[in-house]
Amino acid sequence: LQPRDYERLARHLAAQARVLAESLRRLC
């Protein structure tokens, strides 16, 4: 994979992690 592909995947996964963390924070 090209660095831009890793960057794109990392960006999507990080965004999803932020959303999930916010949901977890609310439940916690």
mmCIF file of all heavy atoms, coordinates in Angstrom:
data_MODEL
# 
_entry.id   MODEL 
# 
loop_
_atom_site.group_PDB 
_atom_site.id 
_atom_site.type_symbol 
_atom_site.label_atom_id 
_atom_site.label_alt_id 
_atom_site.label_comp_id 
_atom_site.label_asym_id 
_atom_site.label_entity_id 
_atom_site.label_seq_id 
_atom_site.pdbx_PDB_ins_code 
_atom_site.Cartn_x 
_atom_site.Cartn_y 
_atom_site.Cartn_z 
_atom_site.occupancy 
_atom_site.B_iso_or_equiv 
_atom_site.pdbx_formal_charge 
_atom_site.auth_seq_id 
_atom_site.auth_comp_id 
_atom_site.auth_asym_id 
_atom_site.auth_atom_id 
_atom_site.pdbx_PDB_model_num 
ATOM 1   N N   . LEU A 1 1  ? 0.836   -1.192 0.000  1.00 0.00 ? 1  LEU A N   1 
ATOM 2   C CA  . LEU A 1 1  ? 0.000   0.000  0.000  1.00 0.00 ? 1  LEU A CA  1 
ATOM 3   C C   . LEU A 1 1  ? 0.876   1.248  0.000  1.00 0.00 ? 1  LEU A C   1 
ATOM 4   O O   . LEU A 1 1  ? 1.977   1.248  0.544  1.00 0.00 ? 1  LEU A O   1 
ATOM 5   C CB  . LEU A 1 1  ? -0.916  0.026  1.222  1.00 0.00 ? 1  LEU A CB  1 
ATOM 6   C CG  . LEU A 1 1  ? -1.984  -1.051 1.306  1.00 0.00 ? 1  LEU A CG  1 
ATOM 7   C CD1 . LEU A 1 1  ? -2.800  -0.877 2.576  1.00 0.00 ? 1  LEU A CD1 1 
ATOM 8   C CD2 . LEU A 1 1  ? -2.887  -1.043 0.098  1.00 0.00 ? 1  LEU A CD2 1 
ATOM 9   N N   . GLN A 1 2  ? 0.348   2.275  -0.576 1.00 0.00 ? 2  GLN A N   1 
ATOM 10  C CA  . GLN A 1 2  ? 1.039   3.564  -0.594 1.00 0.00 ? 2  GLN A CA  1 
ATOM 11  C C   . GLN A 1 2  ? 0.804   4.281  0.731  1.00 0.00 ? 2  GLN A C   1 
ATOM 12  O O   . GLN A 1 2  ? -0.217  4.051  1.397  1.00 0.00 ? 2  GLN A O   1 
ATOM 13  C CB  . GLN A 1 2  ? 0.503   4.427  -1.746 1.00 0.00 ? 2  GLN A CB  1 
ATOM 14  C CG  . GLN A 1 2  ? 0.722   3.841  -3.113 1.00 0.00 ? 2  GLN A CG  1 
ATOM 15  C CD  . GLN A 1 2  ? 2.207   3.736  -3.420 1.00 0.00 ? 2  GLN A CD  1 
ATOM 16  O OE1 . GLN A 1 2  ? 2.958   4.685  -3.206 1.00 0.00 ? 2  GLN A OE1 1 
ATOM 17  N NE2 . GLN A 1 2  ? 2.620   2.582  -3.910 1.00 0.00 ? 2  GLN A NE2 1 
ATOM 18  N N   . PRO A 1 3  ? 1.703   5.156  1.141  1.00 0.00 ? 3  PRO A N   1 
ATOM 19  C CA  . PRO A 1 3  ? 1.500   5.910  2.390  1.00 0.00 ? 3  PRO A CA  1 
ATOM 20  C C   . PRO A 1 3  ? 0.143   6.619  2.432  1.00 0.00 ? 3  PRO A C   1 
ATOM 21  O O   . PRO A 1 3  ? -0.493  6.666  3.480  1.00 0.00 ? 3  PRO A O   1 
ATOM 22  C CB  . PRO A 1 3  ? 2.651   6.911  2.402  1.00 0.00 ? 3  PRO A CB  1 
ATOM 23  C CG  . PRO A 1 3  ? 3.728   6.224  1.628  1.00 0.00 ? 3  PRO A CG  1 
ATOM 24  C CD  . PRO A 1 3  ? 3.007   5.445  0.550  1.00 0.00 ? 3  PRO A CD  1 
ATOM 25  N N   . ARG A 1 4  ? -0.321  7.124  1.313  1.00 0.00 ? 4  ARG A N   1 
ATOM 26  C CA  . ARG A 1 4  ? -1.625  7.813  1.303  1.00 0.00 ? 4  ARG A CA  1 
ATOM 27  C C   . ARG A 1 4  ? -2.765  6.848  1.629  1.00 0.00 ? 4  ARG A C   1 
ATOM 28  O O   . ARG A 1 4  ? -3.765  7.240  2.221  1.00 0.00 ? 4  ARG A O   1 
ATOM 29  C CB  . ARG A 1 4  ? -1.857  8.529  -0.023 1.00 0.00 ? 4  ARG A CB  1 
ATOM 30  C CG  . ARG A 1 4  ? -2.105  7.612  -1.190 1.00 0.00 ? 4  ARG A CG  1 
ATOM 31  C CD  . ARG A 1 4  ? -2.396  8.390  -2.494 1.00 0.00 ? 4  ARG A CD  1 
ATOM 32  N NE  . ARG A 1 4  ? -2.525  7.463  -3.583 1.00 0.00 ? 4  ARG A NE  1 
ATOM 33  C CZ  . ARG A 1 4  ? -1.529  6.991  -4.317 1.00 0.00 ? 4  ARG A CZ  1 
ATOM 34  N NH1 . ARG A 1 4  ? -0.298  7.405  -4.085 1.00 0.00 ? 4  ARG A NH1 1 
ATOM 35  N NH2 . ARG A 1 4  ? -1.749  6.134  -5.290 1.00 0.00 ? 4  ARG A NH2 1 
ATOM 36  N N   . ASP A 1 5  ? -2.618  5.569  1.253  1.00 0.00 ? 5  ASP A N   1 
ATOM 37  C CA  . ASP A 1 5  ? -3.636  4.569  1.576  1.00 0.00 ? 5  ASP A CA  1 
ATOM 38  C C   . ASP A 1 5  ? -3.651  4.297  3.080  1.00 0.00 ? 5  ASP A C   1 
ATOM 39  O O   . ASP A 1 5  ? -4.712  4.220  3.698  1.00 0.00 ? 5  ASP A O   1 
ATOM 40  C CB  . ASP A 1 5  ? -3.384  3.272  0.823  1.00 0.00 ? 5  ASP A CB  1 
ATOM 41  C CG  . ASP A 1 5  ? -3.495  3.444  -0.686 1.00 0.00 ? 5  ASP A CG  1 
ATOM 42  O OD1 . ASP A 1 5  ? -4.344  4.249  -1.126 1.00 0.00 ? 5  ASP A OD1 1 
ATOM 43  O OD2 . ASP A 1 5  ? -2.723  2.788  -1.401 1.00 0.00 ? 5  ASP A OD2 1 
ATOM 44  N N   . TYR A 1 6  ? -2.458  4.139  3.669  1.00 0.00 ? 6  TYR A N   1 
ATOM 45  C CA  . TYR A 1 6  ? -2.379  3.957  5.117  1.00 0.00 ? 6  TYR A CA  1 
ATOM 46  C C   . TYR A 1 6  ? -2.940  5.183  5.843  1.00 0.00 ? 6  TYR A C   1 
ATOM 47  O O   . TYR A 1 6  ? -3.644  5.065  6.833  1.00 0.00 ? 6  TYR A O   1 
ATOM 48  C CB  . TYR A 1 6  ? -0.934  3.720  5.565  1.00 0.00 ? 6  TYR A CB  1 
ATOM 49  C CG  . TYR A 1 6  ? -0.371  2.393  5.146  1.00 0.00 ? 6  TYR A CG  1 
ATOM 50  C CD1 . TYR A 1 6  ? 0.781   2.314  4.378  1.00 0.00 ? 6  TYR A CD1 1 
ATOM 51  C CD2 . TYR A 1 6  ? -0.990  1.194  5.530  1.00 0.00 ? 6  TYR A CD2 1 
ATOM 52  C CE1 . TYR A 1 6  ? 1.313   1.091  4.007  1.00 0.00 ? 6  TYR A CE1 1 
ATOM 53  C CE2 . TYR A 1 6  ? -0.463  -0.029 5.155  1.00 0.00 ? 6  TYR A CE2 1 
ATOM 54  C CZ  . TYR A 1 6  ? 0.682   -0.075 4.390  1.00 0.00 ? 6  TYR A CZ  1 
ATOM 55  O OH  . TYR A 1 6  ? 1.202   -1.296 4.026  1.00 0.00 ? 6  TYR A OH  1 
ATOM 56  N N   . GLU A 1 7  ? -2.614  6.358  5.316  1.00 0.00 ? 7  GLU A N   1 
ATOM 57  C CA  . GLU A 1 7  ? -3.093  7.599  5.926  1.00 0.00 ? 7  GLU A CA  1 
ATOM 58  C C   . GLU A 1 7  ? -4.621  7.661  5.884  1.00 0.00 ? 7  GLU A C   1 
ATOM 59  O O   . GLU A 1 7  ? -5.265  8.025  6.867  1.00 0.00 ? 7  GLU A O   1 
ATOM 60  C CB  . GLU A 1 7  ? -2.489  8.800  5.197  1.00 0.00 ? 7  GLU A CB  1 
ATOM 61  C CG  . GLU A 1 7  ? -2.879  10.131 5.792  1.00 0.00 ? 7  GLU A CG  1 
ATOM 62  C CD  . GLU A 1 7  ? -2.262  11.294 5.027  1.00 0.00 ? 7  GLU A CD  1 
ATOM 63  O OE1 . GLU A 1 7  ? -1.224  11.104 4.355  1.00 0.00 ? 7  GLU A OE1 1 
ATOM 64  O OE2 . GLU A 1 7  ? -2.835  12.385 5.102  1.00 0.00 ? 7  GLU A OE2 1 
ATOM 65  N N   . ARG A 1 8  ? -5.198  7.312  4.761  1.00 0.00 ? 8  ARG A N   1 
ATOM 66  C CA  . ARG A 1 8  ? -6.656  7.342  4.610  1.00 0.00 ? 8  ARG A CA  1 
ATOM 67  C C   . ARG A 1 8  ? -7.321  6.354  5.569  1.00 0.00 ? 8  ARG A C   1 
ATOM 68  O O   . ARG A 1 8  ? -8.292  6.683  6.248  1.00 0.00 ? 8  ARG A O   1 
ATOM 69  C CB  . ARG A 1 8  ? -7.041  7.035  3.166  1.00 0.00 ? 8  ARG A CB  1 
ATOM 70  C CG  . ARG A 1 8  ? -8.503  7.303  2.896  1.00 0.00 ? 8  ARG A CG  1 
ATOM 71  C CD  . ARG A 1 8  ? -8.849  7.101  1.443  1.00 0.00 ? 8  ARG A CD  1 
ATOM 72  N NE  . ARG A 1 8  ? -9.565  5.836  1.403  1.00 0.00 ? 8  ARG A NE  1 
ATOM 73  C CZ  . ARG A 1 8  ? -9.418  4.883  0.511  1.00 0.00 ? 8  ARG A CZ  1 
ATOM 74  N NH1 . ARG A 1 8  ? -8.566  5.033  -0.461 1.00 0.00 ? 8  ARG A NH1 1 
ATOM 75  N NH2 . ARG A 1 8  ? -10.119 3.788  0.566  1.00 0.00 ? 8  ARG A NH2 1 
ATOM 76  N N   . LEU A 1 9  ? -6.788  5.144  5.640  1.00 0.00 ? 9  LEU A N   1 
ATOM 77  C CA  . LEU A 1 9  ? -7.345  4.147  6.545  1.00 0.00 ? 9  LEU A CA  1 
ATOM 78  C C   . LEU A 1 9  ? -7.209  4.594  8.000  1.00 0.00 ? 9  LEU A C   1 
ATOM 79  O O   . LEU A 1 9  ? -8.137  4.453  8.800  1.00 0.00 ? 9  LEU A O   1 
ATOM 80  C CB  . LEU A 1 9  ? -6.653  2.798  6.341  1.00 0.00 ? 9  LEU A CB  1 
ATOM 81  C CG  . LEU A 1 9  ? -7.033  2.063  5.064  1.00 0.00 ? 9  LEU A CG  1 
ATOM 82  C CD1 . LEU A 1 9  ? -6.075  0.907  4.811  1.00 0.00 ? 9  LEU A CD1 1 
ATOM 83  C CD2 . LEU A 1 9  ? -8.464  1.572  5.133  1.00 0.00 ? 9  LEU A CD2 1 
ATOM 84  N N   . ALA A 1 10 ? -6.050  5.145  8.340  1.00 0.00 ? 10 ALA A N   1 
ATOM 85  C CA  . ALA A 1 10 ? -5.823  5.620  9.706  1.00 0.00 ? 10 ALA A CA  1 
ATOM 86  C C   . ALA A 1 10 ? -6.797  6.745  10.049 1.00 0.00 ? 10 ALA A C   1 
ATOM 87  O O   . ALA A 1 10 ? -7.338  6.789  11.159 1.00 0.00 ? 10 ALA A O   1 
ATOM 88  C CB  . ALA A 1 10 ? -4.383  6.096  9.871  1.00 0.00 ? 10 ALA A CB  1 
ATOM 89  N N   . ARG A 1 11 ? -7.034  7.636  9.112  1.00 0.00 ? 11 ARG A N   1 
ATOM 90  C CA  . ARG A 1 11 ? -7.962  8.747  9.337  1.00 0.00 ? 11 ARG A CA  1 
ATOM 91  C C   . ARG A 1 11 ? -9.372  8.228  9.607  1.00 0.00 ? 11 ARG A C   1 
ATOM 92  O O   . ARG A 1 11 ? -10.050 8.664  10.543 1.00 0.00 ? 11 ARG A O   1 
ATOM 93  C CB  . ARG A 1 11 ? -7.922  9.688  8.135  1.00 0.00 ? 11 ARG A CB  1 
ATOM 94  C CG  . ARG A 1 11 ? -8.462  11.058 8.405  1.00 0.00 ? 11 ARG A CG  1 
ATOM 95  C CD  . ARG A 1 11 ? -8.243  12.057 7.268  1.00 0.00 ? 11 ARG A CD  1 
ATOM 96  N NE  . ARG A 1 11 ? -8.595  11.539 5.964  1.00 0.00 ? 11 ARG A NE  1 
ATOM 97  C CZ  . ARG A 1 11 ? -7.727  11.289 4.979  1.00 0.00 ? 11 ARG A CZ  1 
ATOM 98  N NH1 . ARG A 1 11 ? -6.450  11.515 5.156  1.00 0.00 ? 11 ARG A NH1 1 
ATOM 99  N NH2 . ARG A 1 11 ? -8.131  10.829 3.822  1.00 0.00 ? 11 ARG A NH2 1 
ATOM 100 N N   . HIS A 1 12 ? -9.832  7.264  8.811  1.00 0.00 ? 12 HIS A N   1 
ATOM 101 C CA  . HIS A 1 12 ? -11.171 6.699  9.002  1.00 0.00 ? 12 HIS A CA  1 
ATOM 102 C C   . HIS A 1 12 ? -11.283 5.956  10.332 1.00 0.00 ? 12 HIS A C   1 
ATOM 103 O O   . HIS A 1 12 ? -12.265 6.118  11.062 1.00 0.00 ? 12 HIS A O   1 
ATOM 104 C CB  . HIS A 1 12 ? -11.531 5.737  7.859  1.00 0.00 ? 12 HIS A CB  1 
ATOM 105 C CG  . HIS A 1 12 ? -11.923 6.431  6.603  1.00 0.00 ? 12 HIS A CG  1 
ATOM 106 N ND1 . HIS A 1 12 ? -13.117 7.088  6.459  1.00 0.00 ? 12 HIS A ND1 1 
ATOM 107 C CD2 . HIS A 1 12 ? -11.288 6.552  5.417  1.00 0.00 ? 12 HIS A CD2 1 
ATOM 108 C CE1 . HIS A 1 12 ? -13.207 7.594  5.249  1.00 0.00 ? 12 HIS A CE1 1 
ATOM 109 N NE2 . HIS A 1 12 ? -12.096 7.284  4.594  1.00 0.00 ? 12 HIS A NE2 1 
ATOM 110 N N   . LEU A 1 13 ? -10.283 5.148  10.648 1.00 0.00 ? 13 LEU A N   1 
ATOM 111 C CA  . LEU A 1 13 ? -10.320 4.391  11.903 1.00 0.00 ? 13 LEU A CA  1 
ATOM 112 C C   . LEU A 1 13 ? -10.242 5.325  13.116 1.00 0.00 ? 13 LEU A C   1 
ATOM 113 O O   . LEU A 1 13 ? -10.944 5.113  14.108 1.00 0.00 ? 13 LEU A O   1 
ATOM 114 C CB  . LEU A 1 13 ? -9.193  3.361  11.938 1.00 0.00 ? 13 LEU A CB  1 
ATOM 115 C CG  . LEU A 1 13 ? -9.393  2.162  11.013 1.00 0.00 ? 13 LEU A CG  1 
ATOM 116 C CD1 . LEU A 1 13 ? -8.093  1.380  10.847 1.00 0.00 ? 13 LEU A CD1 1 
ATOM 117 C CD2 . LEU A 1 13 ? -10.505 1.254  11.527 1.00 0.00 ? 13 LEU A CD2 1 
ATOM 118 N N   . ALA A 1 14 ? -9.419  6.359  13.027 1.00 0.00 ? 14 ALA A N   1 
ATOM 119 C CA  . ALA A 1 14 ? -9.310  7.317  14.132 1.00 0.00 ? 14 ALA A CA  1 
ATOM 120 C C   . ALA A 1 14 ? -10.627 8.067  14.332 1.00 0.00 ? 14 ALA A C   1 
ATOM 121 O O   . ALA A 1 14 ? -11.064 8.282  15.469 1.00 0.00 ? 14 ALA A O   1 
ATOM 122 C CB  . ALA A 1 14 ? -8.166  8.300  13.878 1.00 0.00 ? 14 ALA A CB  1 
ATOM 123 N N   . ALA A 1 15 ? -11.281 8.439  13.243 1.00 0.00 ? 15 ALA A N   1 
ATOM 124 C CA  . ALA A 1 15 ? -12.571 9.127  13.352 1.00 0.00 ? 15 ALA A CA  1 
ATOM 125 C C   . ALA A 1 15 ? -13.607 8.219  14.005 1.00 0.00 ? 15 ALA A C   1 
ATOM 126 O O   . ALA A 1 15 ? -14.372 8.649  14.878 1.00 0.00 ? 15 ALA A O   1 
ATOM 127 C CB  . ALA A 1 15 ? -13.050 9.582  11.973 1.00 0.00 ? 15 ALA A CB  1 
ATOM 128 N N   . GLN A 1 16 ? -13.627 6.960  13.619 1.00 0.00 ? 16 GLN A N   1 
ATOM 129 C CA  . GLN A 1 16 ? -14.573 6.024  14.218 1.00 0.00 ? 16 GLN A CA  1 
ATOM 130 C C   . GLN A 1 16 ? -14.241 5.807  15.694 1.00 0.00 ? 16 GLN A C   1 
ATOM 131 O O   . GLN A 1 16 ? -15.140 5.740  16.533 1.00 0.00 ? 16 GLN A O   1 
ATOM 132 C CB  . GLN A 1 16 ? -14.577 4.699  13.465 1.00 0.00 ? 16 GLN A CB  1 
ATOM 133 C CG  . GLN A 1 16 ? -15.649 3.737  13.926 1.00 0.00 ? 16 GLN A CG  1 
ATOM 134 C CD  . GLN A 1 16 ? -17.068 4.182  13.603 1.00 0.00 ? 16 GLN A CD  1 
ATOM 135 O OE1 . GLN A 1 16 ? -17.296 5.244  13.033 1.00 0.00 ? 16 GLN A OE1 1 
ATOM 136 N NE2 . GLN A 1 16 ? -18.023 3.375  13.974 1.00 0.00 ? 16 GLN A NE2 1 
ATOM 137 N N   . ALA A 1 17 ? -12.968 5.713  16.029 1.00 0.00 ? 17 ALA A N   1 
ATOM 138 C CA  . ALA A 1 17 ? -12.563 5.551  17.431 1.00 0.00 ? 17 ALA A CA  1 
ATOM 139 C C   . ALA A 1 17 ? -13.034 6.741  18.264 1.00 0.00 ? 17 ALA A C   1 
ATOM 140 O O   . ALA A 1 17 ? -13.488 6.561  19.402 1.00 0.00 ? 17 ALA A O   1 
ATOM 141 C CB  . ALA A 1 17 ? -11.049 5.380  17.529 1.00 0.00 ? 17 ALA A CB  1 
ATOM 142 N N   . ARG A 1 18 ? -12.959 7.948  17.720 1.00 0.00 ? 18 ARG A N   1 
ATOM 143 C CA  . ARG A 1 18 ? -13.428 9.134  18.450 1.00 0.00 ? 18 ARG A CA  1 
ATOM 144 C C   . ARG A 1 18 ? -14.934 9.060  18.707 1.00 0.00 ? 18 ARG A C   1 
ATOM 145 O O   . ARG A 1 18 ? -15.401 9.376  19.798 1.00 0.00 ? 18 ARG A O   1 
ATOM 146 C CB  . ARG A 1 18 ? -13.088 10.407 17.670 1.00 0.00 ? 18 ARG A CB  1 
ATOM 147 C CG  . ARG A 1 18 ? -11.656 10.797 17.766 1.00 0.00 ? 18 ARG A CG  1 
ATOM 148 C CD  . ARG A 1 18 ? -11.355 12.123 17.065 1.00 0.00 ? 18 ARG A CD  1 
ATOM 149 N NE  . ARG A 1 18 ? -9.931  12.353 17.056 1.00 0.00 ? 18 ARG A NE  1 
ATOM 150 C CZ  . ARG A 1 18 ? -9.101  11.933 16.100 1.00 0.00 ? 18 ARG A CZ  1 
ATOM 151 N NH1 . ARG A 1 18 ? -9.561  11.286 15.040 1.00 0.00 ? 18 ARG A NH1 1 
ATOM 152 N NH2 . ARG A 1 18 ? -7.817  12.167 16.179 1.00 0.00 ? 18 ARG A NH2 1 
ATOM 153 N N   . VAL A 1 19 ? -15.688 8.634  17.702 1.00 0.00 ? 19 VAL A N   1 
ATOM 154 C CA  . VAL A 1 19 ? -17.136 8.503  17.847 1.00 0.00 ? 19 VAL A CA  1 
ATOM 155 C C   . VAL A 1 19 ? -17.463 7.460  18.917 1.00 0.00 ? 19 VAL A C   1 
ATOM 156 O O   . VAL A 1 19 ? -18.299 7.681  19.796 1.00 0.00 ? 19 VAL A O   1 
ATOM 157 C CB  . VAL A 1 19 ? -17.793 8.117  16.492 1.00 0.00 ? 19 VAL A CB  1 
ATOM 158 C CG1 . VAL A 1 19 ? -19.247 7.728  16.671 1.00 0.00 ? 19 VAL A CG1 1 
ATOM 159 C CG2 . VAL A 1 19 ? -17.654 9.258  15.502 1.00 0.00 ? 19 VAL A CG2 1 
ATOM 160 N N   . LEU A 1 20 ? -16.789 6.322  18.845 1.00 0.00 ? 20 LEU A N   1 
ATOM 161 C CA  . LEU A 1 20 ? -17.036 5.248  19.809 1.00 0.00 ? 20 LEU A CA  1 
ATOM 162 C C   . LEU A 1 20 ? -16.632 5.671  21.221 1.00 0.00 ? 20 LEU A C   1 
ATOM 163 O O   . LEU A 1 20 ? -17.326 5.365  22.195 1.00 0.00 ? 20 LEU A O   1 
ATOM 164 C CB  . LEU A 1 20 ? -16.283 3.986  19.393 1.00 0.00 ? 20 LEU A CB  1 
ATOM 165 C CG  . LEU A 1 20 ? -16.747 3.356  18.080 1.00 0.00 ? 20 LEU A CG  1 
ATOM 166 C CD1 . LEU A 1 20 ? -15.805 2.230  17.670 1.00 0.00 ? 20 LEU A CD1 1 
ATOM 167 C CD2 . LEU A 1 20 ? -18.172 2.869  18.179 1.00 0.00 ? 20 LEU A CD2 1 
ATOM 168 N N   . ALA A 1 21 ? -15.509 6.380  21.332 1.00 0.00 ? 21 ALA A N   1 
ATOM 169 C CA  . ALA A 1 21 ? -15.055 6.845  22.644 1.00 0.00 ? 21 ALA A CA  1 
ATOM 170 C C   . ALA A 1 21 ? -16.066 7.812  23.247 1.00 0.00 ? 21 ALA A C   1 
ATOM 171 O O   . ALA A 1 21 ? -16.330 7.767  24.454 1.00 0.00 ? 21 ALA A O   1 
ATOM 172 C CB  . ALA A 1 21 ? -13.674 7.496  22.533 1.00 0.00 ? 21 ALA A CB  1 
ATOM 173 N N   . GLU A 1 22 ? -16.636 8.662  22.441 1.00 0.00 ? 22 GLU A N   1 
ATOM 174 C CA  . GLU A 1 22 ? -17.646 9.599  22.941 1.00 0.00 ? 22 GLU A CA  1 
ATOM 175 C C   . GLU A 1 22 ? -18.884 8.846  23.419 1.00 0.00 ? 22 GLU A C   1 
ATOM 176 O O   . GLU A 1 22 ? -19.437 9.165  24.478 1.00 0.00 ? 22 GLU A O   1 
ATOM 177 C CB  . GLU A 1 22 ? -18.024 10.616 21.852 1.00 0.00 ? 22 GLU A CB  1 
ATOM 178 C CG  . GLU A 1 22 ? -18.982 11.678 22.332 1.00 0.00 ? 22 GLU A CG  1 
ATOM 179 C CD  . GLU A 1 22 ? -18.468 12.465 23.532 1.00 0.00 ? 22 GLU A CD  1 
ATOM 180 O OE1 . GLU A 1 22 ? -17.255 12.714 23.637 1.00 0.00 ? 22 GLU A OE1 1 
ATOM 181 O OE2 . GLU A 1 22 ? -19.303 12.832 24.390 1.00 0.00 ? 22 GLU A OE2 1 
ATOM 182 N N   . SER A 1 23 ? -19.300 7.832  22.699 1.00 0.00 ? 23 SER A N   1 
ATOM 183 C CA  . SER A 1 23 ? -20.433 7.008  23.141 1.00 0.00 ? 23 SER A CA  1 
ATOM 184 C C   . SER A 1 23 ? -20.094 6.300  24.451 1.00 0.00 ? 23 SER A C   1 
ATOM 185 O O   . SER A 1 23 ? -20.916 6.238  25.369 1.00 0.00 ? 23 SER A O   1 
ATOM 186 C CB  . SER A 1 23 ? -20.781 5.960  22.079 1.00 0.00 ? 23 SER A CB  1 
ATOM 187 O OG  . SER A 1 23 ? -21.254 6.566  20.918 1.00 0.00 ? 23 SER A OG  1 
ATOM 188 N N   . LEU A 1 24 ? -18.890 5.771  24.536 1.00 0.00 ? 24 LEU A N   1 
ATOM 189 C CA  . LEU A 1 24 ? -18.455 5.083  25.744 1.00 0.00 ? 24 LEU A CA  1 
ATOM 190 C C   . LEU A 1 24 ? -18.404 6.052  26.928 1.00 0.00 ? 24 LEU A C   1 
ATOM 191 O O   . LEU A 1 24 ? -18.831 5.724  28.032 1.00 0.00 ? 24 LEU A O   1 
ATOM 192 C CB  . LEU A 1 24 ? -17.088 4.430  25.519 1.00 0.00 ? 24 LEU A CB  1 
ATOM 193 C CG  . LEU A 1 24 ? -16.509 3.637  26.681 1.00 0.00 ? 24 LEU A CG  1 
ATOM 194 C CD1 . LEU A 1 24 ? -17.448 2.519  27.112 1.00 0.00 ? 24 LEU A CD1 1 
ATOM 195 C CD2 . LEU A 1 24 ? -15.151 3.063  26.292 1.00 0.00 ? 24 LEU A CD2 1 
ATOM 196 N N   . ARG A 1 25 ? -17.921 7.260  26.689 1.00 0.00 ? 25 ARG A N   1 
ATOM 197 C CA  . ARG A 1 25 ? -17.855 8.276  27.739 1.00 0.00 ? 25 ARG A CA  1 
ATOM 198 C C   . ARG A 1 25 ? -19.248 8.573  28.291 1.00 0.00 ? 25 ARG A C   1 
ATOM 199 O O   . ARG A 1 25 ? -19.444 8.648  29.506 1.00 0.00 ? 25 ARG A O   1 
ATOM 200 C CB  . ARG A 1 25 ? -17.230 9.560  27.172 1.00 0.00 ? 25 ARG A CB  1 
ATOM 201 C CG  . ARG A 1 25 ? -16.221 10.191 28.041 1.00 0.00 ? 25 ARG A CG  1 
ATOM 202 C CD  . ARG A 1 25 ? -15.552 11.406 27.409 1.00 0.00 ? 25 ARG A CD  1 
ATOM 203 N NE  . ARG A 1 25 ? -14.201 11.055 26.993 1.00 0.00 ? 25 ARG A NE  1 
ATOM 204 C CZ  . ARG A 1 25 ? -13.796 10.858 25.741 1.00 0.00 ? 25 ARG A CZ  1 
ATOM 205 N NH1 . ARG A 1 25 ? -14.623 11.000 24.743 1.00 0.00 ? 25 ARG A NH1 1 
ATOM 206 N NH2 . ARG A 1 25 ? -12.561 10.527 25.473 1.00 0.00 ? 25 ARG A NH2 1 
ATOM 207 N N   . ARG A 1 26 ? -20.224 8.726  27.384 1.00 0.00 ? 26 ARG A N   1 
ATOM 208 C CA  . ARG A 1 26 ? -21.604 9.014  27.806 1.00 0.00 ? 26 ARG A CA  1 
ATOM 209 C C   . ARG A 1 26 ? -22.170 7.878  28.653 1.00 0.00 ? 26 ARG A C   1 
ATOM 210 O O   . ARG A 1 26 ? -22.836 8.107  29.656 1.00 0.00 ? 26 ARG A O   1 
ATOM 211 C CB  . ARG A 1 26 ? -22.492 9.275  26.594 1.00 0.00 ? 26 ARG A CB  1 
ATOM 212 C CG  . ARG A 1 26 ? -22.301 10.644 25.972 1.00 0.00 ? 26 ARG A CG  1 
ATOM 213 C CD  . ARG A 1 26 ? -23.415 10.986 25.007 1.00 0.00 ? 26 ARG A CD  1 
ATOM 214 N NE  . ARG A 1 26 ? -23.571 10.013 23.938 1.00 0.00 ? 26 ARG A NE  1 
ATOM 215 C CZ  . ARG A 1 26 ? -23.062 10.134 22.717 1.00 0.00 ? 26 ARG A CZ  1 
ATOM 216 N NH1 . ARG A 1 26 ? -22.360 11.193 22.403 1.00 0.00 ? 26 ARG A NH1 1 
ATOM 217 N NH2 . ARG A 1 26 ? -23.261 9.205  21.814 1.00 0.00 ? 26 ARG A NH2 1 
ATOM 218 N N   . LEU A 1 27 ? -21.909 6.630  28.247 1.00 0.00 ? 27 LEU A N   1 
ATOM 219 C CA  . LEU A 1 27 ? -22.413 5.483  29.003 1.00 0.00 ? 27 LEU A CA  1 
ATOM 220 C C   . LEU A 1 27 ? -21.683 5.328  30.333 1.00 0.00 ? 27 LEU A C   1 
ATOM 221 O O   . LEU A 1 27 ? -22.272 4.938  31.341 1.00 0.00 ? 27 LEU A O   1 
ATOM 222 C CB  . LEU A 1 27 ? -22.266 4.201  28.186 1.00 0.00 ? 27 LEU A CB  1 
ATOM 223 C CG  . LEU A 1 27 ? -23.193 4.068  26.979 1.00 0.00 ? 27 LEU A CG  1 
ATOM 224 C CD1 . LEU A 1 27 ? -22.802 2.857  26.146 1.00 0.00 ? 27 LEU A CD1 1 
ATOM 225 C CD2 . LEU A 1 27 ? -24.633 3.974  27.423 1.00 0.00 ? 27 LEU A CD2 1 
ATOM 226 N N   . CYS A 1 28 ? -20.416 5.629  30.329 1.00 0.00 ? 28 CYS A N   1 
ATOM 227 C CA  . CYS A 1 28 ? -19.571 5.465  31.515 1.00 0.00 ? 28 CYS A CA  1 
ATOM 228 C C   . CYS A 1 28 ? -20.045 6.381  32.647 1.00 0.00 ? 28 CYS A C   1 
ATOM 229 O O   . CYS A 1 28 ? -20.018 5.993  33.821 1.00 0.00 ? 28 CYS A O   1 
ATOM 230 C CB  . CYS A 1 28 ? -18.133 5.775  31.131 1.00 0.00 ? 28 CYS A CB  1 
ATOM 231 S SG  . CYS A 1 28 ? -16.924 5.218  32.309 1.00 0.00 ? 28 CYS A SG  1 
# 
